[in-house]
PDB file of N, CA and C in Angstrom:
ATOM      1  N   MET A   1      88.550 115.053 106.792  1.00  0.00           N
ATOM      2  CA  MET A   1      88.439 114.997 105.433  1.00  0.00           C
ATOM      3  C   MET A   1      89.606 114.534 104.860  1.00  0.00           C
ATOM      4  N   ARG A   2      90.321 115.883 105.097  1.00  0.00           N
ATOM      5  CA  ARG A   2      91.867 116.057 104.659  1.00  0.00           C
ATOM      6  C   ARG A   2      92.444 114.602 104.747  1.00  0.00           C
ATOM      7  N   VAL A   3      92.982 114.358 105.708  1.00  0.00           N
ATOM      8  CA  VAL A   3      93.289 113.322 106.011  1.00  0.00           C
ATOM      9  C   VAL A   3      93.272 112.068 105.431  1.00  0.00           C
ATOM     10  N   ASP A   4      91.854 111.545 105.110  1.00  0.00           N
ATOM     11  CA  ASP A   4      90.964 110.386 103.993  1.00  0.00           C
ATOM     12  C   ASP A   4      91.527 110.817 102.714  1.00  0.00           C
ATOM     13  N   ILE A   5      92.015 111.551 102.088  1.00  0.00           N
ATOM     14  CA  ILE A   5      92.176 112.125 100.577  1.00  0.00           C
ATOM     15  C   ILE A   5      93.648 111.976 100.842  1.00  0.00           C
ATOM     16  N   TYR A   6      94.632 112.143 101.251  1.00  0.00           N
ATOM     17  CA  TYR A   6      96.011 112.241 101.940  1.00  0.00           C
ATOM     18  C   TYR A   6      96.479 110.643 102.044  1.00  0.00           C
ATOM     19  N   GLN A   7      95.452 109.893 102.385  1.00  0.00           N
ATOM     20  CA  GLN A   7      95.694 108.303 102.523  1.00  0.00           C
ATOM     21  C   GLN A   7      95.841 107.326 101.334  1.00  0.00           C
ATOM     22  N   HIS A   8      95.203 108.164 100.416  1.00  0.00           N
ATOM     23  CA  HIS A   8      95.275 107.511  99.321  1.00  0.00           C
ATOM     24  C   HIS A   8      96.368 107.777  98.074  1.00  0.00           C
ATOM     25  N   VAL A   9      97.647 108.842  99.138  1.00  0.00           N
ATOM     26  CA  VAL A   9      98.286 108.761  98.155  1.00  0.00           C
ATOM     27  C   VAL A   9      99.509 109.082  98.551  1.00  0.00           C
ATOM     28  N   ALA A  10      99.918 108.776  99.817  1.00  0.00           N
ATOM     29  CA  ALA A  10     101.145 108.636 100.261  1.00  0.00           C
ATOM     30  C   ALA A  10     101.757 107.792 100.167  1.00  0.00           C
ATOM     31  N   LYS A  11     101.275 106.567  99.591  1.00  0.00           N
ATOM     32  CA  LYS A  11     102.165 105.220  99.732  1.00  0.00           C
ATOM     33  C   LYS A  11     102.040 105.356  97.872  1.00  0.00           C
ATOM     34  N   ASP A  12     101.882 106.198  96.853  1.00  0.00           N
ATOM     35  CA  ASP A  12     102.004 106.722  95.733  1.00  0.00           C
ATOM     36  C   ASP A  12     103.081 107.167  96.179  1.00  0.00           C
ATOM     37  N   VAL A  13     103.269 108.279  96.577  1.00  0.00           N
ATOM     38  CA  VAL A  13     104.429 109.369  97.181  1.00  0.00           C
ATOM     39  C   VAL A  13     105.674 108.638  97.551  1.00  0.00           C
ATOM     40  N   GLU A  14     105.537 107.678  98.383  1.00  0.00           N
ATOM     41  CA  GLU A  14     106.676 106.919  98.797  1.00  0.00           C
ATOM     42  C   GLU A  14     107.330 106.380  97.684  1.00  0.00           C
ATOM     43  N   SER A  15     106.389 105.449  96.847  1.00  0.00           N
ATOM     44  CA  SER A  15     107.406 104.772  95.728  1.00  0.00           C
ATOM     45  C   SER A  15     107.523 105.976  94.894  1.00  0.00           C
ATOM     46  N   ILE A  16     107.172 106.342  94.624  1.00  0.00           N
ATOM     47  CA  ILE A  16     107.815 107.293  93.460  1.00  0.00           C
ATOM     48  C   ILE A  16     109.077 108.251  93.657  1.00  0.00           C
ATOM     49  N   GLU A  17     109.028 108.407  95.542  1.00  0.00           N
ATOM     50  CA  GLU A  17     110.121 108.797  95.508  1.00  0.00           C
ATOM     51  C   GLU A  17     111.507 108.220  96.045  1.00  0.00           C
ATOM     52  N   ASP A  18     110.944 107.035  96.137  1.00  0.00           N
ATOM     53  CA  ASP A  18     112.095 105.961  96.395  1.00  0.00           C
ATOM     54  C   ASP A  18     112.712 105.544  94.942  1.00  0.00           C
ATOM     55  N   GLN A  19     111.611 105.655  93.611  1.00  0.00           N
ATOM     56  CA  GLN A  19     112.138 105.200  92.633  1.00  0.00           C
ATOM     57  C   GLN A  19     113.343 106.357  92.155  1.00  0.00           C
ATOM     58  N   VAL A  20     112.846 107.465  92.515  1.00  0.00           N
ATOM     59  CA  VAL A  20     113.193 108.839  92.422  1.00  0.00           C
ATOM     60  C   VAL A  20     114.936 108.768  92.781  1.00  0.00           C
ATOM     61  N   TYR A  21     115.237 108.900  93.888  1.00  0.00           N
ATOM     62  CA  TYR A  21     115.711 108.702  95.210  1.00  0.00           C
ATOM     63  C   TYR A  21     116.438 107.966  95.307  1.00  0.00           C
ATOM     64  N   GLY A  22     116.001 106.986  95.605  1.00  0.00           N
ATOM     65  CA  GLY A  22     116.409 105.783  96.062  1.00  0.00           C
ATOM     66  C   GLY A  22     115.699 105.320  97.218  1.00  0.00           C
ATOM     67  N   ALA A  23     115.713 104.420  97.972  1.00  0.00           N
ATOM     68  CA  ALA A  23     115.172 104.042  99.765  1.00  0.00           C
ATOM     69  C   ALA A  23     116.138 104.856 100.850  1.00  0.00           C
ATOM     70  N   GLU A  24     117.080 104.918 100.451  1.00  0.00           N
ATOM     71  CA  GLU A  24     118.273 105.175 101.368  1.00  0.00           C
ATOM     72  C   GLU A  24     118.335 106.816 101.213  1.00  0.00           C
ATOM     73  N   GLU A  25     117.799 107.153 100.074  1.00  0.00           N
ATOM     74  CA  GLU A  25     117.895 108.782  99.923  1.00  0.00           C
ATOM     75  C   GLU A  25     117.548 109.642 100.798  1.00  0.00           C
ATOM     76  N   LYS A  26     117.797 111.198 100.958  1.00  0.00           N
ATOM     77  CA  LYS A  26     117.127 111.830 102.052  1.00  0.00           C
ATOM     78  C   LYS A  26     115.811 112.117 101.229  1.00  0.00           C
ATOM     79  N   LYS A  27     114.331 111.724 101.343  1.00  0.00           N
ATOM     80  CA  LYS A  27     113.358 112.174 100.869  1.00  0.00           C
ATOM     81  C   LYS A  27     113.075 113.504 100.813  1.00  0.00           C
ATOM     82  N   LEU A  28     112.705 114.294  99.703  1.00  0.00           N
ATOM     83  CA  LEU A  28     112.124 115.701  99.571  1.00  0.00           C
ATOM     84  C   LEU A  28     110.434 115.704  99.797  1.00  0.00           C
ATOM     85  N   ASN A  29     109.945 115.099 100.076  1.00  0.00           N
ATOM     86  CA  ASN A  29     108.284 115.156  99.827  1.00  0.00           C
ATOM     87  C   ASN A  29     108.213 115.047 101.645  1.00  0.00           C
ATOM     88  N   SER A  30     107.198 115.879 102.038  1.00  0.00           N
ATOM     89  CA  SER A  30     106.818 115.878 103.018  1.00  0.00           C
ATOM     90  C   SER A  30     105.637 114.606 103.526  1.00  0.00           C
ATOM     91  N   LEU A  31     105.150 114.667 102.695  1.00  0.00           N
ATOM     92  CA  LEU A  31     103.888 113.672 103.137  1.00  0.00           C
ATOM     93  C   LEU A  31     103.783 112.051 103.384  1.00  0.00           C
ATOM     94  N   LEU A  32     105.043 111.755 103.617  1.00  0.00           N
ATOM     95  CA  LEU A  32     105.311 110.657 103.712  1.00  0.00           C
ATOM     96  C   LEU A  32     105.032 109.870 104.868  1.00  0.00           C
ATOM     97  N   PHE A  33     104.825 110.446 106.271  1.00  0.00           N
ATOM     98  CA  PHE A  33     103.987 110.118 107.751  1.00  0.00           C
ATOM     99  C   PHE A  33     102.815 109.302 107.293  1.00  0.00           C
ATOM    100  N   ILE A  34     102.110 109.563 106.472  1.00  0.00           N
ATOM    101  CA  ILE A  34     100.549 109.365 106.180  1.00  0.00           C
ATOM    102  C   ILE A  34     101.091 107.438 106.282  1.00  0.00           C
ATOM    103  N   GLN A  35     100.571 106.069 106.331  1.00  0.00           N
ATOM    104  CA  GLN A  35     100.257 105.335 106.595  1.00  0.00           C
ATOM    105  C   GLN A  35      99.609 104.420 105.021  1.00  0.00           C
ATOM    106  N   GLU A  36      98.031 104.664 104.890  1.00  0.00           N
ATOM    107  CA  GLU A  36      97.792 103.686 103.691  1.00  0.00           C
ATOM    108  C   GLU A  36      97.565 104.428 102.522  1.00  0.00           C
ATOM    109  N   VAL A  37      97.947 103.610 101.164  1.00  0.00           N
ATOM    110  CA  VAL A  37      97.228 104.132  99.962  1.00  0.00           C
ATOM    111  C   VAL A  37      96.903 103.376  99.050  1.00  0.00           C
ATOM    112  N   TYR A  38      96.470 103.656  98.344  1.00  0.00           N
ATOM    113  CA  TYR A  38      96.175 102.597  96.781  1.00  0.00           C
ATOM    114  C   TYR A  38      96.510 103.599  95.831  1.00  0.00           C
ATOM    115  N   ALA A  39      96.702 102.368  94.998  1.00  0.00           N
ATOM    116  CA  ALA A  39      97.582 103.430  93.319  1.00  0.00           C
ATOM    117  C   ALA A  39      97.188 102.770  92.123  1.00  0.00           C
ATOM    118  N   GLN A  40      97.312 103.291  91.591  1.00  0.00           N
ATOM    119  CA  GLN A  40      97.655 102.263  89.964  1.00  0.00           C
ATOM    120  C   GLN A  40      98.183 102.693  89.196  1.00  0.00           C
ATOM    121  N   GLU A  41      98.975 101.621  89.160  1.00  0.00           N
ATOM    122  CA  GLU A  41     100.334 101.969  87.685  1.00  0.00           C
ATOM    123  C   GLU A  41     100.002 102.412  86.214  1.00  0.00           C
ATOM    124  N   SER A  42     100.742 103.594  85.904  1.00  0.00           N
ATOM    125  CA  SER A  42     100.520 103.257  84.384  1.00  0.00           C
ATOM    126  C   SER A  42     101.402 103.980  83.793  1.00  0.00           C
ATOM    127  N   SER A  43     101.434 103.944  82.889  1.00  0.00           N
ATOM    128  CA  SER A  43     102.532 104.250  81.542  1.00  0.00           C
ATOM    129  C   SER A  43     103.229 105.949  81.589  1.00  0.00           C
ATOM    130  N   GLU A  44     102.143 106.371  82.108  1.00  0.00           N
ATOM    131  CA  GLU A  44     102.183 108.078  82.558  1.00  0.00           C
ATOM    132  C   GLU A  44     102.861 108.380  84.181  1.00  0.00           C
ATOM    133  N   THR A  45     102.912 107.282  85.016  1.00  0.00           N
ATOM    134  CA  THR A  45     103.533 107.286  85.963  1.00  0.00           C
ATOM    135  C   THR A  45     104.912 106.523  86.149  1.00  0.00           C
ATOM    136  N   SER A  46     105.354 106.173  85.124  1.00  0.00           N
ATOM    137  CA  SER A  46     106.260 105.675  84.754  1.00  0.00           C
ATOM    138  C   SER A  46     107.176 106.714  84.542  1.00  0.00           C
ATOM    139  N   GLU A  47     106.852 107.360  83.387  1.00  0.00           N
ATOM    140  CA  GLU A  47     107.709 107.896  82.730  1.00  0.00           C
ATOM    141  C   GLU A  47     107.796 109.717  83.203  1.00  0.00           C
ATOM    142  N   ALA A  48     106.694 109.495  84.591  1.00  0.00           N
ATOM    143  CA  ALA A  48     107.227 111.163  85.381  1.00  0.00           C
ATOM    144  C   ALA A  48     108.138 110.969  86.525  1.00  0.00           C
ATOM    145  N   VAL A  49     108.254 109.471  86.999  1.00  0.00           N
ATOM    146  CA  VAL A  49     109.545 108.980  87.843  1.00  0.00           C
ATOM    147  C   VAL A  49     110.807 109.209  87.174  1.00  0.00           C
ATOM    148  N   ASP A  50     110.875 108.728  85.354  1.00  0.00           N
ATOM    149  CA  ASP A  50     111.881 108.945  84.963  1.00  0.00           C
ATOM    150  C   ASP A  50     112.589 109.883  84.418  1.00  0.00           C
ATOM    151  N   ARG A  51     111.562 111.027  84.266  1.00  0.00           N
ATOM    152  CA  ARG A  51     112.009 112.411  84.162  1.00  0.00           C
ATOM    153  C   ARG A  51     112.285 112.781  85.582  1.00  0.00           C
ATOM    154  N   ARG A  52     111.337 112.561  86.125  1.00  0.00           N
ATOM    155  CA  ARG A  52     112.103 113.022  88.031  1.00  0.00           C
ATOM    156  C   ARG A  52     113.386 112.741  88.208  1.00  0.00           C
ATOM    157  N   LYS A  53     113.572 111.306  87.550  1.00  0.00           N
ATOM    158  CA  LYS A  53     114.938 111.053  88.275  1.00  0.00           C
ATOM    159  C   LYS A  53     116.136 111.633  87.022  1.00  0.00           C
ATOM    160  N   GLU A  54     115.696 112.223  86.196  1.00  0.00           N
ATOM    161  CA  GLU A  54     116.597 112.874  85.558  1.00  0.00           C
ATOM    162  C   GLU A  54     116.764 114.489  85.980  1.00  0.00           C
ATOM    163  N   ARG A  55     115.964 115.118  86.579  1.00  0.00           N
ATOM    164  CA  ARG A  55     116.012 116.164  87.326  1.00  0.00           C
ATOM    165  C   ARG A  55     116.713 116.312  89.040  1.00  0.00           C
ATOM    166  N   THR A  56     117.225 114.705  89.452  1.00  0.00           N
ATOM    167  CA  THR A  56     117.220 114.644  90.663  1.00  0.00           C
ATOM    168  C   THR A  56     118.454 115.487  91.212  1.00  0.00           C
ATOM    169  N   SER A  57     119.646 115.621  90.614  1.00  0.00           N
ATOM    170  CA  SER A  57     121.287 116.307  90.848  1.00  0.00           C
ATOM    171  C   SER A  57     120.499 117.610  90.560  1.00  0.00           C
ATOM    172  N   ALA A  58     119.830 118.152  89.589  1.00  0.00           N
ATOM    173  CA  ALA A  58     119.854 119.799  89.978  1.00  0.00           C
ATOM    174  C   ALA A  58     119.005 119.865  90.429  1.00  0.00           C
ATOM    175  N   ILE A  59     118.076 119.588  91.177  1.00  0.00           N
ATOM    176  CA  ILE A  59     116.902 119.800  92.159  1.00  0.00           C
ATOM    177  C   ILE A  59     117.899 119.712  93.355  1.00  0.00           C
ATOM    178  N   GLY A  60     118.454 118.901  93.953  1.00  0.00           N
ATOM    179  CA  GLY A  60     119.107 118.679  95.032  1.00  0.00           C
ATOM    180  C   GLY A  60     120.091 119.750  94.862  1.00  0.00           C
ATOM    181  N   ASP A  61     120.334 120.101  94.407  1.00  0.00           N
ATOM    182  CA  ASP A  61     121.503 121.259  94.155  1.00  0.00           C
ATOM    183  C   ASP A  61     121.593 122.394  94.332  1.00  0.00           C
ATOM    184  N   TYR A  62     119.639 122.809  93.842  1.00  0.00           N
ATOM    185  CA  TYR A  62     119.267 124.038  94.147  1.00  0.00           C
ATOM    186  C   TYR A  62     118.845 124.044  95.225  1.00  0.00           C
ATOM    187  N   PHE A  63     118.382 123.276  95.999  1.00  0.00           N
ATOM    188  CA  PHE A  63     117.763 122.838  97.399  1.00  0.00           C
ATOM    189  C   PHE A  63     119.065 123.369  98.382  1.00  0.00           C
ATOM    190  N   LYS A  64     120.263 122.619  98.031  1.00  0.00           N
ATOM    191  CA  LYS A  64     121.808 123.002  99.162  1.00  0.00           C
ATOM    192  C   LYS A  64     122.096 123.695  99.003  1.00  0.00           C
ATOM    193  N   LYS A  65     121.880 124.888  97.976  1.00  0.00           N
ATOM    194  CA  LYS A  65     122.397 126.348  97.467  1.00  0.00           C
ATOM    195  C   LYS A  65     121.237 127.357  97.898  1.00  0.00           C
ATOM    196  N   GLY A  66     120.455 126.732  98.407  1.00  0.00           N
ATOM    197  CA  GLY A  66     118.661 127.414  99.146  1.00  0.00           C
ATOM    198  C   GLY A  66     118.601 128.391  98.138  1.00  0.00           C
ATOM    199  N   TYR A  67     118.218 127.585  97.009  1.00  0.00           N
ATOM    200  CA  TYR A  67     117.569 128.374  95.960  1.00  0.00           C
ATOM    201  C   TYR A  67     116.032 128.128  96.013  1.00  0.00           C
ATOM    202  N   ILE A  68     115.400 126.963  96.117  1.00  0.00           N
ATOM    203  CA  ILE A  68     114.480 126.416  96.404  1.00  0.00           C
ATOM    204  C   ILE A  68     113.903 125.499  97.595  1.00  0.00           C
ATOM    205  N   GLY A  69     112.706 125.414  97.885  1.00  0.00           N
ATOM    206  CA  GLY A  69     112.408 124.720  98.822  1.00  0.00           C
ATOM    207  C   GLY A  69     111.064 124.227  98.244  1.00  0.00           C
ATOM    208  N   GLU A  70     110.378 123.258  99.184  1.00  0.00           N
ATOM    209  CA  GLU A  70     108.714 123.358  99.316  1.00  0.00           C
ATOM    210  C   GLU A  70     107.573 123.536  99.689  1.00  0.00           C
ATOM    211  N   ASN A  71     106.669 123.972  99.242  1.00  0.00           N
ATOM    212  CA  ASN A  71     105.312 124.243  99.817  1.00  0.00           C
ATOM    213  C   ASN A  71     104.809 122.981 101.183  1.00  0.00           C
ATOM    214  N   ARG A  72     103.729 123.542 101.225  1.00  0.00           N
ATOM    215  CA  ARG A  72     102.432 122.741 101.913  1.00  0.00           C
ATOM    216  C   ARG A  72     102.210 121.864 101.148  1.00  0.00           C
ATOM    217  N   GLN A  73     101.976 121.981  99.604  1.00  0.00           N
ATOM    218  CA  GLN A  73     101.372 121.035  98.897  1.00  0.00           C
ATOM    219  C   GLN A  73     102.299 119.997  98.350  1.00  0.00           C
ATOM    220  N   ALA A  74     103.519 120.198  98.854  1.00  0.00           N
ATOM    221  CA  ALA A  74     104.886 119.547  98.581  1.00  0.00           C
ATOM    222  C   ALA A  74     104.858 120.075  97.116  1.00  0.00           C
ATOM    223  N   LEU A  75     104.968 121.158  96.430  1.00  0.00           N
ATOM    224  CA  LEU A  75     105.267 121.457  95.379  1.00  0.00           C
ATOM    225  C   LEU A  75     106.852 122.005  95.228  1.00  0.00           C
ATOM    226  N   LEU A  76     107.289 122.695  94.177  1.00  0.00           N
ATOM    227  CA  LEU A  76     108.324 123.359  94.472  1.00  0.00           C
ATOM    228  C   LEU A  76     108.682 124.636  93.977  1.00  0.00           C
ATOM    229  N   GLU A  77     109.267 125.156  94.660  1.00  0.00           N
ATOM    230  CA  GLU A  77     109.333 127.061  94.468  1.00  0.00           C
ATOM    231  C   GLU A  77     110.402 127.682  94.346  1.00  0.00           C
ATOM    232  N   ILE A  78     110.409 128.946  94.280  1.00  0.00           N
ATOM    233  CA  ILE A  78     111.920 129.779  94.517  1.00  0.00           C
ATOM    234  C   ILE A  78     111.936 130.427  96.076  1.00  0.00           C
ATOM    235  N   VAL A  79     112.846 130.220  96.880  1.00  0.00           N
ATOM    236  CA  VAL A  79     112.825 131.085  98.079  1.00  0.00           C
ATOM    237  C   VAL A  79     113.660 131.625  98.525  1.00  0.00           C
ATOM    238  N   ALA A  80     114.921 131.896  97.480  1.00  0.00           N
ATOM    239  CA  ALA A  80     116.207 132.443  97.989  1.00  0.00           C
ATOM    240  C   ALA A  80     115.931 133.764  96.454  1.00  0.00           C
ATOM    241  N   LYS A  81     115.924 134.877  96.894  1.00  0.00           N
ATOM    242  CA  LYS A  81     116.139 136.260  96.255  1.00  0.00           C
ATOM    243  C   LYS A  81     117.187 136.535  95.792  1.00  0.00           C
ATOM    244  N   ASP A  82     118.430 135.842  96.061  1.00  0.00           N
ATOM    245  CA  ASP A  82     119.639 136.257  95.696  1.00  0.00           C
ATOM    246  C   ASP A  82     119.935 135.806  94.559  1.00  0.00           C
ATOM    247  N   ILE A  83     118.974 134.999  93.365  1.00  0.00           N
ATOM    248  CA  ILE A  83     119.715 133.876  92.464  1.00  0.00           C
ATOM    249  C   ILE A  83     120.592 134.736  91.476  1.00  0.00           C
ATOM    250  N   PRO A  84     121.839 133.675  91.048  1.00  0.00           N
ATOM    251  CA  PRO A  84     122.422 134.064  89.958  1.00  0.00           C
ATOM    252  C   PRO A  84     120.953 134.917  88.633  1.00  0.00           C
ATOM    253  N   SER A  85     121.171 135.618  88.002  1.00  0.00           N
ATOM    254  CA  SER A  85     120.427 135.989  86.759  1.00  0.00           C
ATOM    255  C   SER A  85     120.882 135.213  85.594  1.00  0.00           C
ATOM    256  N   ASP A  86     121.846 134.602  85.876  1.00  0.00           N
ATOM    257  CA  ASP A  86     121.805 133.459  84.965  1.00  0.00           C
ATOM    258  C   ASP A  86     120.938 132.211  84.447  1.00  0.00           C
ATOM    259  N   LYS A  87     120.774 132.337  85.954  1.00  0.00           N
ATOM    260  CA  LYS A  87     120.810 130.469  86.138  1.00  0.00           C
ATOM    261  C   LYS A  87     119.264 130.874  86.482  1.00  0.00           C
ATOM    262  N   LYS A  88     118.501 131.670  86.860  1.00  0.00           N
ATOM    263  CA  LYS A  88     117.440 131.589  87.459  1.00  0.00           C
ATOM    264  C   LYS A  88     116.078 131.065  86.407  1.00  0.00           C
ATOM    265  N   ALA A  89     116.157 131.555  85.363  1.00  0.00           N
ATOM    266  CA  ALA A  89     115.453 130.925  83.607  1.00  0.00           C
ATOM    267  C   ALA A  89     115.620 129.360  83.891  1.00  0.00           C
ATOM    268  N   GLU A  90     116.473 128.917  84.101  1.00  0.00           N
ATOM    269  CA  GLU A  90     116.817 127.450  84.269  1.00  0.00           C
ATOM    270  C   GLU A  90     116.448 127.487  85.626  1.00  0.00           C
ATOM    271  N   ILE A  91     116.599 127.238  86.605  1.00  0.00           N
ATOM    272  CA  ILE A  91     115.858 127.009  87.903  1.00  0.00           C
ATOM    273  C   ILE A  91     114.033 126.978  87.458  1.00  0.00           C
ATOM    274  N   GLU A  92     113.529 128.386  87.188  1.00  0.00           N
ATOM    275  CA  GLU A  92     112.383 128.333  86.788  1.00  0.00           C
ATOM    276  C   GLU A  92     111.488 127.087  86.283  1.00  0.00           C
ATOM    277  N   SER A  93     112.362 127.144  84.921  1.00  0.00           N
ATOM    278  CA  SER A  93     112.406 125.581  84.266  1.00  0.00           C
ATOM    279  C   SER A  93     112.162 124.328  84.657  1.00  0.00           C
ATOM    280  N   THR A  94     113.285 124.289  85.554  1.00  0.00           N
ATOM    281  CA  THR A  94     113.234 122.967  86.337  1.00  0.00           C
ATOM    282  C   THR A  94     112.025 122.939  87.035  1.00  0.00           C
ATOM    283  N   ILE A  95     111.645 123.912  88.001  1.00  0.00           N
ATOM    284  CA  ILE A  95     110.266 123.368  88.990  1.00  0.00           C
ATOM    285  C   ILE A  95     109.501 123.407  88.479  1.00  0.00           C
ATOM    286  N   SER A  96     109.087 124.253  87.431  1.00  0.00           N
ATOM    287  CA  SER A  96     107.544 124.274  86.626  1.00  0.00           C
ATOM    288  C   SER A  96     107.987 122.096  85.636  1.00  0.00           C
ATOM    289  N   ARG A  97     108.722 122.121  85.651  1.00  0.00           N
ATOM    290  CA  ARG A  97     108.564 120.610  85.251  1.00  0.00           C
ATOM    291  C   ARG A  97     108.654 119.783  86.249  1.00  0.00           C
ATOM    292  N   GLU A  98     109.124 119.507  86.817  1.00  0.00           N
ATOM    293  CA  GLU A  98     109.373 118.726  88.389  1.00  0.00           C
ATOM    294  C   GLU A  98     108.006 119.241  89.049  1.00  0.00           C
ATOM    295  N   ASN A  99     107.193 120.051  89.337  1.00  0.00           N
ATOM    296  CA  ASN A  99     105.822 120.392  89.849  1.00  0.00           C
ATOM    297  C   ASN A  99     104.826 119.409  89.152  1.00  0.00           C
ATOM    298  N   GLN A 100     105.067 119.884  87.735  1.00  0.00           N
ATOM    299  CA  GLN A 100     104.142 118.949  86.616  1.00  0.00           C
ATOM    300  C   GLN A 100     103.930 117.668  87.104  1.00  0.00           C
ATOM    301  N   ASP A 101     105.284 117.099  86.863  1.00  0.00           N
ATOM    302  CA  ASP A 101     105.308 115.539  87.219  1.00  0.00           C
ATOM    303  C   ASP A 101     104.855 115.085  88.569  1.00  0.00           C
ATOM    304  N   ARG A 102     105.031 115.994  89.558  1.00  0.00           N
ATOM    305  CA  ARG A 102     104.343 115.321  91.110  1.00  0.00           C
ATOM    306  C   ARG A 102     102.753 116.087  90.841  1.00  0.00           C
ATOM    307  N   ILE A 103     102.078 116.173  90.267  1.00  0.00           N
ATOM    308  CA  ILE A 103     100.472 116.248  90.496  1.00  0.00           C
ATOM    309  C   ILE A 103     100.043 115.308  89.442  1.00  0.00           C
TER     310      ILE A 103
END
């Protein structure tokens, strides 16, 4: 049953990832191994893609520094315990906004 559900979102995820990160960039989402998907375009989706594009650099930086990672639901979460206190609120806010746009 789970595979059937994911088959309907994987292509959307890939399309959004391509729009956010570019087709040649490393994709952060791990759901891309699924082949078939059916989706409906909306202004909401386009706006979420634009917001995600704006956050790409910051999120990439957080990944490189080991502050964040992706969980099994393809949502971001803090994985480091030693984040500088002056950066923690900013990272949490960015993660929250990104996860909201991924849902």
